[in-house]
Amino acid sequence: QVQLVESGGGLVQAGDSLTLSCAASGGTFSSYTMAWFRQAPGKEREFVAAISRTGATTYYADSVQGRFTISRDSGKNTVYLQMNSLKPENTAVYYCAAVNYVGPYSSSWSSSRFYAYWGQGTQVTVSS
């Protein structure tokens, strides 16, 4: 059983940067494909970014490509989401997700149903 704990959310202004962290425990971190999703009020949860178990492959939603960067530190069992040039529409609860998957990139990475483990979420609010 994997436990995921997000941190780093907060209130920022448009154009600012913020880095979210997700600490994983209870499993073999190197076996897990990791991802970030977000959910704004009244909207469905949507994919943000994913990273392979080795960190060699990353995948982003079109809306964040070029502004957000996902990375992972195996020594700290932590995955990060660096968010630059934040916009008010990026306001949401951001969730970390994990799945025990050692295969190559799959289009399923962007589906919430692909992931078995979820964190409790961290709130990001971007003011205009």
N, C-alpha and C. Protein backbone atom coordinates (compact mmCIF):
# COMPACT_ATOMS: atom_id res chain seq x y z
N GLN A 1 0.84 -1.19 0.00
CA GLN A 1 0.00 0.00 0.00
C GLN A 1 0.88 1.24 0.00
N VAL A 2 0.62 2.11 -0.93
CA VAL A 2 1.41 3.34 -1.07
C VAL A 2 0.64 4.51 -0.46
N GLN A 3 1.34 5.31 0.32
CA GLN A 3 0.76 6.54 0.84
C GLN A 3 1.43 7.72 0.14
N LEU A 4 0.61 8.68 -0.25
CA LEU A 4 1.09 9.86 -0.94
C LEU A 4 0.65 11.10 -0.17
N VAL A 5 1.60 12.00 0.06
CA VAL A 5 1.30 13.22 0.80
C VAL A 5 1.81 14.41 0.01
N GLU A 6 0.88 15.24 -0.44
CA GLU A 6 1.24 16.45 -1.19
C GLU A 6 1.50 17.61 -0.24
N SER A 7 2.31 18.54 -0.72
CA SER A 7 2.56 19.78 0.01
C SER A 7 3.02 20.84 -0.98
N GLY A 8 3.05 22.08 -0.51
CA GLY A 8 3.56 23.17 -1.34
C GLY A 8 2.52 24.07 -1.95
N GLY A 9 1.25 23.73 -1.76
CA GLY A 9 0.21 24.60 -2.30
C GLY A 9 0.13 25.92 -1.54
N GLY A 10 -0.64 26.84 -2.10
CA GLY A 10 -0.80 28.13 -1.43
C GLY A 10 -1.46 29.14 -2.32
N LEU A 11 -1.44 30.38 -1.87
CA LEU A 11 -2.02 31.50 -2.61
C LEU A 11 -0.91 32.31 -3.26
N VAL A 12 -0.98 32.45 -4.56
CA VAL A 12 0.02 33.21 -5.31
C VAL A 12 -0.69 34.14 -6.28
N GLN A 13 0.10 35.03 -6.87
CA GLN A 13 -0.45 35.95 -7.86
C GLN A 13 -0.18 35.43 -9.26
N ALA A 14 -0.98 35.89 -10.19
CA ALA A 14 -0.78 35.49 -11.59
C ALA A 14 0.65 35.85 -12.02
N GLY A 15 1.28 34.91 -12.72
CA GLY A 15 2.64 35.10 -13.16
C GLY A 15 3.69 34.53 -12.22
N ASP A 16 3.27 34.21 -11.01
CA ASP A 16 4.20 33.65 -10.03
C ASP A 16 4.49 32.18 -10.33
N SER A 17 5.45 31.64 -9.58
CA SER A 17 5.81 30.24 -9.68
C SER A 17 5.55 29.54 -8.34
N LEU A 18 5.35 28.25 -8.43
CA LEU A 18 5.10 27.45 -7.23
C LEU A 18 5.55 26.03 -7.52
N THR A 19 6.11 25.37 -6.52
CA THR A 19 6.52 23.98 -6.69
C THR A 19 5.78 23.10 -5.68
N LEU A 20 5.10 22.11 -6.19
CA LEU A 20 4.41 21.14 -5.35
C LEU A 20 5.28 19.91 -5.15
N SER A 21 5.14 19.30 -4.00
CA SER A 21 5.87 18.07 -3.70
C SER A 21 4.88 16.97 -3.33
N CYS A 22 5.28 15.74 -3.63
CA CYS A 22 4.47 14.58 -3.26
C CYS A 22 5.42 13.52 -2.71
N ALA A 23 5.34 13.29 -1.42
CA ALA A 23 6.20 12.30 -0.77
C ALA A 23 5.48 10.95 -0.74
N ALA A 24 6.16 9.92 -1.22
CA ALA A 24 5.58 8.58 -1.27
C ALA A 24 6.22 7.68 -0.23
N SER A 25 5.41 6.82 0.35
CA SER A 25 5.93 5.85 1.32
C SER A 25 5.11 4.56 1.23
N GLY A 26 5.70 3.48 1.72
CA GLY A 26 4.99 2.21 1.78
C GLY A 26 5.11 1.34 0.55
N GLY A 27 5.89 1.75 -0.42
CA GLY A 27 6.06 0.95 -1.63
C GLY A 27 7.44 1.15 -2.20
N THR A 28 7.70 0.49 -3.31
CA THR A 28 8.97 0.65 -4.00
C THR A 28 8.83 1.77 -5.01
N PHE A 29 9.34 2.93 -4.65
CA PHE A 29 9.12 4.15 -5.44
C PHE A 29 9.51 3.96 -6.89
N SER A 30 10.58 3.25 -7.13
CA SER A 30 11.09 3.09 -8.49
C SER A 30 10.19 2.23 -9.38
N SER A 31 9.17 1.61 -8.79
CA SER A 31 8.24 0.78 -9.56
C SER A 31 7.00 1.55 -10.00
N TYR A 32 6.89 2.79 -9.56
CA TYR A 32 5.64 3.53 -9.76
C TYR A 32 5.76 4.62 -10.80
N THR A 33 4.84 4.60 -11.72
CA THR A 33 4.60 5.74 -12.59
C THR A 33 3.79 6.73 -11.77
N MET A 34 4.18 8.00 -11.82
CA MET A 34 3.59 9.03 -10.98
C MET A 34 2.94 10.11 -11.85
N ALA A 35 1.96 10.77 -11.28
CA ALA A 35 1.27 11.81 -12.05
C ALA A 35 0.68 12.87 -11.12
N TRP A 36 0.36 14.00 -11.73
CA TRP A 36 -0.38 15.07 -11.06
C TRP A 36 -1.69 15.29 -11.83
N PHE A 37 -2.74 15.43 -11.06
CA PHE A 37 -4.04 15.81 -11.58
C PHE A 37 -4.51 17.04 -10.80
N ARG A 38 -5.53 17.69 -11.31
CA ARG A 38 -6.11 18.81 -10.57
C ARG A 38 -7.62 18.83 -10.76
N GLN A 39 -8.28 19.44 -9.79
CA GLN A 39 -9.72 19.56 -9.86
C GLN A 39 -10.15 20.92 -9.36
N ALA A 40 -10.75 21.68 -10.25
CA ALA A 40 -11.27 23.00 -9.90
C ALA A 40 -12.72 22.84 -9.43
N PRO A 41 -13.22 23.81 -8.67
CA PRO A 41 -14.60 23.74 -8.18
C PRO A 41 -15.60 23.58 -9.31
N GLY A 42 -16.46 22.59 -9.18
CA GLY A 42 -17.49 22.37 -10.18
C GLY A 42 -17.03 21.69 -11.45
N LYS A 43 -15.76 21.28 -11.48
CA LYS A 43 -15.22 20.64 -12.68
C LYS A 43 -14.72 19.24 -12.37
N GLU A 44 -14.54 18.46 -13.41
CA GLU A 44 -14.01 17.12 -13.24
C GLU A 44 -12.50 17.17 -13.01
N ARG A 45 -12.00 16.12 -12.41
CA ARG A 45 -10.56 16.02 -12.22
C ARG A 45 -9.90 15.88 -13.58
N GLU A 46 -8.81 16.62 -13.80
CA GLU A 46 -8.13 16.58 -15.08
C GLU A 46 -6.64 16.31 -14.93
N PHE A 47 -6.11 15.68 -15.95
CA PHE A 47 -4.70 15.33 -15.99
C PHE A 47 -3.84 16.58 -16.15
N VAL A 48 -2.70 16.59 -15.46
CA VAL A 48 -1.74 17.69 -15.59
C VAL A 48 -0.43 17.18 -16.18
N ALA A 49 0.18 16.19 -15.53
CA ALA A 49 1.49 15.70 -15.98
C ALA A 49 1.74 14.33 -15.39
N ALA A 50 2.61 13.56 -16.07
CA ALA A 50 2.99 12.24 -15.59
C ALA A 50 4.47 12.00 -15.87
N ILE A 51 5.05 11.09 -15.10
CA ILE A 51 6.46 10.77 -15.25
C ILE A 51 6.66 9.28 -15.06
N SER A 52 7.52 8.72 -15.89
CA SER A 52 7.78 7.29 -15.81
C SER A 52 8.55 6.95 -14.54
N ARG A 53 8.64 5.68 -14.25
CA ARG A 53 9.27 5.25 -13.00
C ARG A 53 10.75 5.63 -12.94
N THR A 54 11.40 5.73 -14.10
CA THR A 54 12.81 6.12 -14.11
C THR A 54 13.00 7.63 -14.23
N GLY A 55 11.95 8.32 -14.59
CA GLY A 55 12.06 9.75 -14.83
C GLY A 55 12.46 10.10 -16.25
N ALA A 56 12.69 9.10 -17.06
CA ALA A 56 13.17 9.35 -18.41
C ALA A 56 12.09 9.88 -19.34
N THR A 57 10.84 9.56 -19.03
CA THR A 57 9.73 9.96 -19.89
C THR A 57 8.74 10.80 -19.11
N THR A 58 8.36 11.92 -19.68
CA THR A 58 7.34 12.78 -19.09
C THR A 58 6.26 13.08 -20.12
N TYR A 59 5.10 13.44 -19.62
CA TYR A 59 3.96 13.69 -20.49
C TYR A 59 3.12 14.78 -19.84
N TYR A 60 2.68 15.75 -20.65
CA TYR A 60 1.97 16.91 -20.11
C TYR A 60 0.65 17.14 -20.84
N ALA A 61 -0.27 17.72 -20.11
CA ALA A 61 -1.48 18.22 -20.75
C ALA A 61 -1.09 19.42 -21.61
N ASP A 62 -1.78 19.61 -22.71
CA ASP A 62 -1.46 20.72 -23.61
C ASP A 62 -1.52 22.07 -22.89
N SER A 63 -2.43 22.17 -21.93
CA SER A 63 -2.64 23.46 -21.27
C SER A 63 -1.48 23.88 -20.38
N VAL A 64 -0.61 22.95 -20.01
CA VAL A 64 0.50 23.29 -19.12
C VAL A 64 1.86 23.07 -19.78
N GLN A 65 1.86 22.49 -20.97
CA GLN A 65 3.11 22.21 -21.67
C GLN A 65 3.94 23.50 -21.79
N GLY A 66 5.19 23.42 -21.40
CA GLY A 66 6.08 24.57 -21.49
C GLY A 66 6.09 25.45 -20.25
N ARG A 67 5.10 25.32 -19.38
CA ARG A 67 5.06 26.11 -18.16
C ARG A 67 5.26 25.25 -16.91
N PHE A 68 4.82 24.02 -16.94
CA PHE A 68 4.95 23.12 -15.80
C PHE A 68 6.01 22.06 -16.09
N THR A 69 6.69 21.63 -15.04
CA THR A 69 7.69 20.57 -15.17
C THR A 69 7.51 19.55 -14.05
N ILE A 70 7.38 18.30 -14.44
CA ILE A 70 7.30 17.22 -13.46
C ILE A 70 8.66 16.54 -13.35
N SER A 71 9.04 16.19 -12.14
CA SER A 71 10.32 15.52 -11.93
C SER A 71 10.20 14.62 -10.70
N ARG A 72 11.20 13.77 -10.51
CA ARG A 72 11.16 12.89 -9.36
C ARG A 72 12.57 12.69 -8.81
N ASP A 73 12.63 12.47 -7.51
CA ASP A 73 13.89 12.24 -6.81
C ASP A 73 13.77 10.90 -6.10
N SER A 74 14.43 9.90 -6.65
CA SER A 74 14.31 8.55 -6.08
C SER A 74 14.94 8.46 -4.69
N GLY A 75 15.94 9.28 -4.43
CA GLY A 75 16.57 9.26 -3.11
C GLY A 75 15.66 9.77 -2.02
N LYS A 76 14.70 10.63 -2.42
CA LYS A 76 13.76 11.20 -1.45
C LYS A 76 12.36 10.63 -1.61
N ASN A 77 12.18 9.71 -2.55
CA ASN A 77 10.85 9.14 -2.81
C ASN A 77 9.81 10.24 -3.01
N THR A 78 10.17 11.22 -3.80
CA THR A 78 9.34 12.41 -3.96
C THR A 78 9.22 12.77 -5.44
N VAL A 79 8.03 13.18 -5.81
CA VAL A 79 7.79 13.71 -7.15
C VAL A 79 7.39 15.18 -7.00
N TYR A 80 7.82 15.98 -7.95
CA TYR A 80 7.60 17.42 -7.88
C TYR A 80 6.81 17.90 -9.10
N LEU A 81 6.16 19.03 -8.91
CA LEU A 81 5.53 19.72 -10.03
C LEU A 81 5.89 21.19 -9.90
N GLN A 82 6.80 21.62 -10.77
CA GLN A 82 7.17 23.03 -10.79
C GLN A 82 6.23 23.74 -11.75
N MET A 83 5.59 24.78 -11.26
CA MET A 83 4.60 25.51 -12.04
C MET A 83 5.05 26.95 -12.20
N ASN A 84 5.26 27.36 -13.42
CA ASN A 84 5.68 28.72 -13.74
C ASN A 84 4.56 29.48 -14.46
N SER A 85 4.66 30.78 -14.44
CA SER A 85 3.69 31.64 -15.14
C SER A 85 2.26 31.23 -14.82
N LEU A 86 1.97 31.11 -13.56
CA LEU A 86 0.65 30.64 -13.15
C LEU A 86 -0.45 31.61 -13.55
N LYS A 87 -1.61 31.04 -13.86
CA LYS A 87 -2.76 31.81 -14.29
C LYS A 87 -3.93 31.55 -13.33
N PRO A 88 -4.86 32.47 -13.24
CA PRO A 88 -6.02 32.24 -12.36
C PRO A 88 -6.75 30.94 -12.68
N GLU A 89 -6.78 30.56 -13.94
CA GLU A 89 -7.47 29.32 -14.31
C GLU A 89 -6.73 28.06 -13.85
N ASN A 90 -5.53 28.23 -13.30
CA ASN A 90 -4.81 27.10 -12.72
C ASN A 90 -5.24 26.82 -11.28
N THR A 91 -6.12 27.65 -10.76
CA THR A 91 -6.63 27.45 -9.40
C THR A 91 -7.37 26.13 -9.31
N ALA A 92 -6.95 25.30 -8.37
CA ALA A 92 -7.55 23.97 -8.22
C ALA A 92 -6.91 23.26 -7.03
N VAL A 93 -7.49 22.14 -6.67
CA VAL A 93 -6.82 21.22 -5.76
C VAL A 93 -5.98 20.28 -6.62
N TYR A 94 -4.71 20.20 -6.30
CA TYR A 94 -3.78 19.38 -7.07
C TYR A 94 -3.54 18.07 -6.33
N TYR A 95 -3.68 16.97 -7.07
CA TYR A 95 -3.55 15.64 -6.50
C TYR A 95 -2.37 14.90 -7.12
N CYS A 96 -1.68 14.18 -6.28
CA CYS A 96 -0.62 13.28 -6.71
C CYS A 96 -1.21 11.89 -6.85
N ALA A 97 -0.77 11.14 -7.86
CA ALA A 97 -1.28 9.80 -8.09
C ALA A 97 -0.14 8.85 -8.46
N ALA A 98 -0.33 7.58 -8.19
CA ALA A 98 0.70 6.59 -8.46
C ALA A 98 0.08 5.27 -8.91
N VAL A 99 0.84 4.56 -9.72
CA VAL A 99 0.43 3.22 -10.15
C VAL A 99 1.67 2.38 -10.33
N ASN A 100 1.58 1.12 -9.93
CA ASN A 100 2.69 0.19 -10.09
C ASN A 100 2.72 -0.25 -11.54
N TYR A 101 3.51 0.43 -12.33
CA TYR A 101 3.55 0.20 -13.79
C TYR A 101 4.98 0.40 -14.26
N VAL A 102 5.54 -0.62 -14.87
CA VAL A 102 6.94 -0.53 -15.31
C VAL A 102 7.05 -0.58 -16.82
N GLY A 103 5.94 -0.44 -17.53
CA GLY A 103 5.96 -0.49 -18.98
C GLY A 103 6.30 0.84 -19.60
N PRO A 104 6.28 0.92 -20.92
CA PRO A 104 6.59 2.16 -21.64
C PRO A 104 5.45 3.16 -21.55
N TYR A 105 5.64 4.29 -22.19
CA TYR A 105 4.60 5.32 -22.20
C TYR A 105 3.30 4.73 -22.77
N SER A 106 2.22 5.14 -22.16
CA SER A 106 0.90 4.72 -22.62
C SER A 106 -0.04 5.91 -22.56
N SER A 107 -0.95 5.96 -23.50
CA SER A 107 -1.94 7.04 -23.49
C SER A 107 -2.81 6.97 -22.23
N SER A 108 -2.79 5.84 -21.56
CA SER A 108 -3.57 5.70 -20.32
C SER A 108 -3.02 6.57 -19.19
N TRP A 109 -1.81 7.06 -19.34
CA TRP A 109 -1.20 7.87 -18.29
C TRP A 109 -2.05 9.10 -17.97
N SER A 110 -2.84 9.57 -18.90
CA SER A 110 -3.63 10.77 -18.69
C SER A 110 -5.02 10.47 -18.12
N SER A 111 -5.29 9.21 -17.86
CA SER A 111 -6.59 8.83 -17.32
C SER A 111 -6.50 8.59 -15.82
N SER A 112 -7.41 9.20 -15.07
CA SER A 112 -7.40 9.01 -13.62
C SER A 112 -7.65 7.54 -13.26
N ARG A 113 -8.33 6.81 -14.11
CA ARG A 113 -8.62 5.40 -13.82
C ARG A 113 -7.39 4.52 -13.86
N PHE A 114 -6.30 5.03 -14.44
CA PHE A 114 -5.06 4.27 -14.55
C PHE A 114 -4.34 4.15 -13.21
N TYR A 115 -4.61 5.07 -12.31
CA TYR A 115 -3.84 5.19 -11.08
C TYR A 115 -4.55 4.54 -9.90
N ALA A 116 -3.77 3.84 -9.09
CA ALA A 116 -4.34 3.09 -7.97
C ALA A 116 -4.28 3.84 -6.65
N TYR A 117 -3.35 4.77 -6.55
CA TYR A 117 -3.13 5.46 -5.27
C TYR A 117 -3.21 6.96 -5.46
N TRP A 118 -3.79 7.63 -4.48
CA TRP A 118 -4.00 9.08 -4.55
C TRP A 118 -3.66 9.73 -3.22
N GLY A 119 -3.15 10.95 -3.33
CA GLY A 119 -2.96 11.75 -2.13
C GLY A 119 -4.22 12.51 -1.79
N GLN A 120 -4.14 13.29 -0.73
CA GLN A 120 -5.31 14.02 -0.25
C GLN A 120 -5.50 15.35 -0.96
N GLY A 121 -4.49 15.79 -1.68
CA GLY A 121 -4.59 17.02 -2.45
C GLY A 121 -4.02 18.22 -1.72
N THR A 122 -3.60 19.21 -2.49
CA THR A 122 -3.12 20.47 -1.95
C THR A 122 -3.71 21.61 -2.78
N GLN A 123 -4.19 22.63 -2.10
CA GLN A 123 -4.89 23.72 -2.77
C GLN A 123 -3.91 24.71 -3.36
N VAL A 124 -4.13 25.05 -4.62
CA VAL A 124 -3.38 26.12 -5.28
C VAL A 124 -4.39 27.18 -5.72
N THR A 125 -4.17 28.40 -5.28
CA THR A 125 -5.05 29.50 -5.65
C THR A 125 -4.22 30.59 -6.29
N VAL A 126 -4.60 30.97 -7.49
CA VAL A 126 -3.88 32.00 -8.23
C VAL A 126 -4.79 33.21 -8.38
N SER A 127 -4.37 34.31 -7.80
CA SER A 127 -5.18 35.52 -7.88
C SER A 127 -4.75 36.36 -9.08
N SER A 128 -5.70 37.11 -9.61
CA SER A 128 -5.42 37.93 -10.79
C SER A 128 -4.94 39.31 -10.40
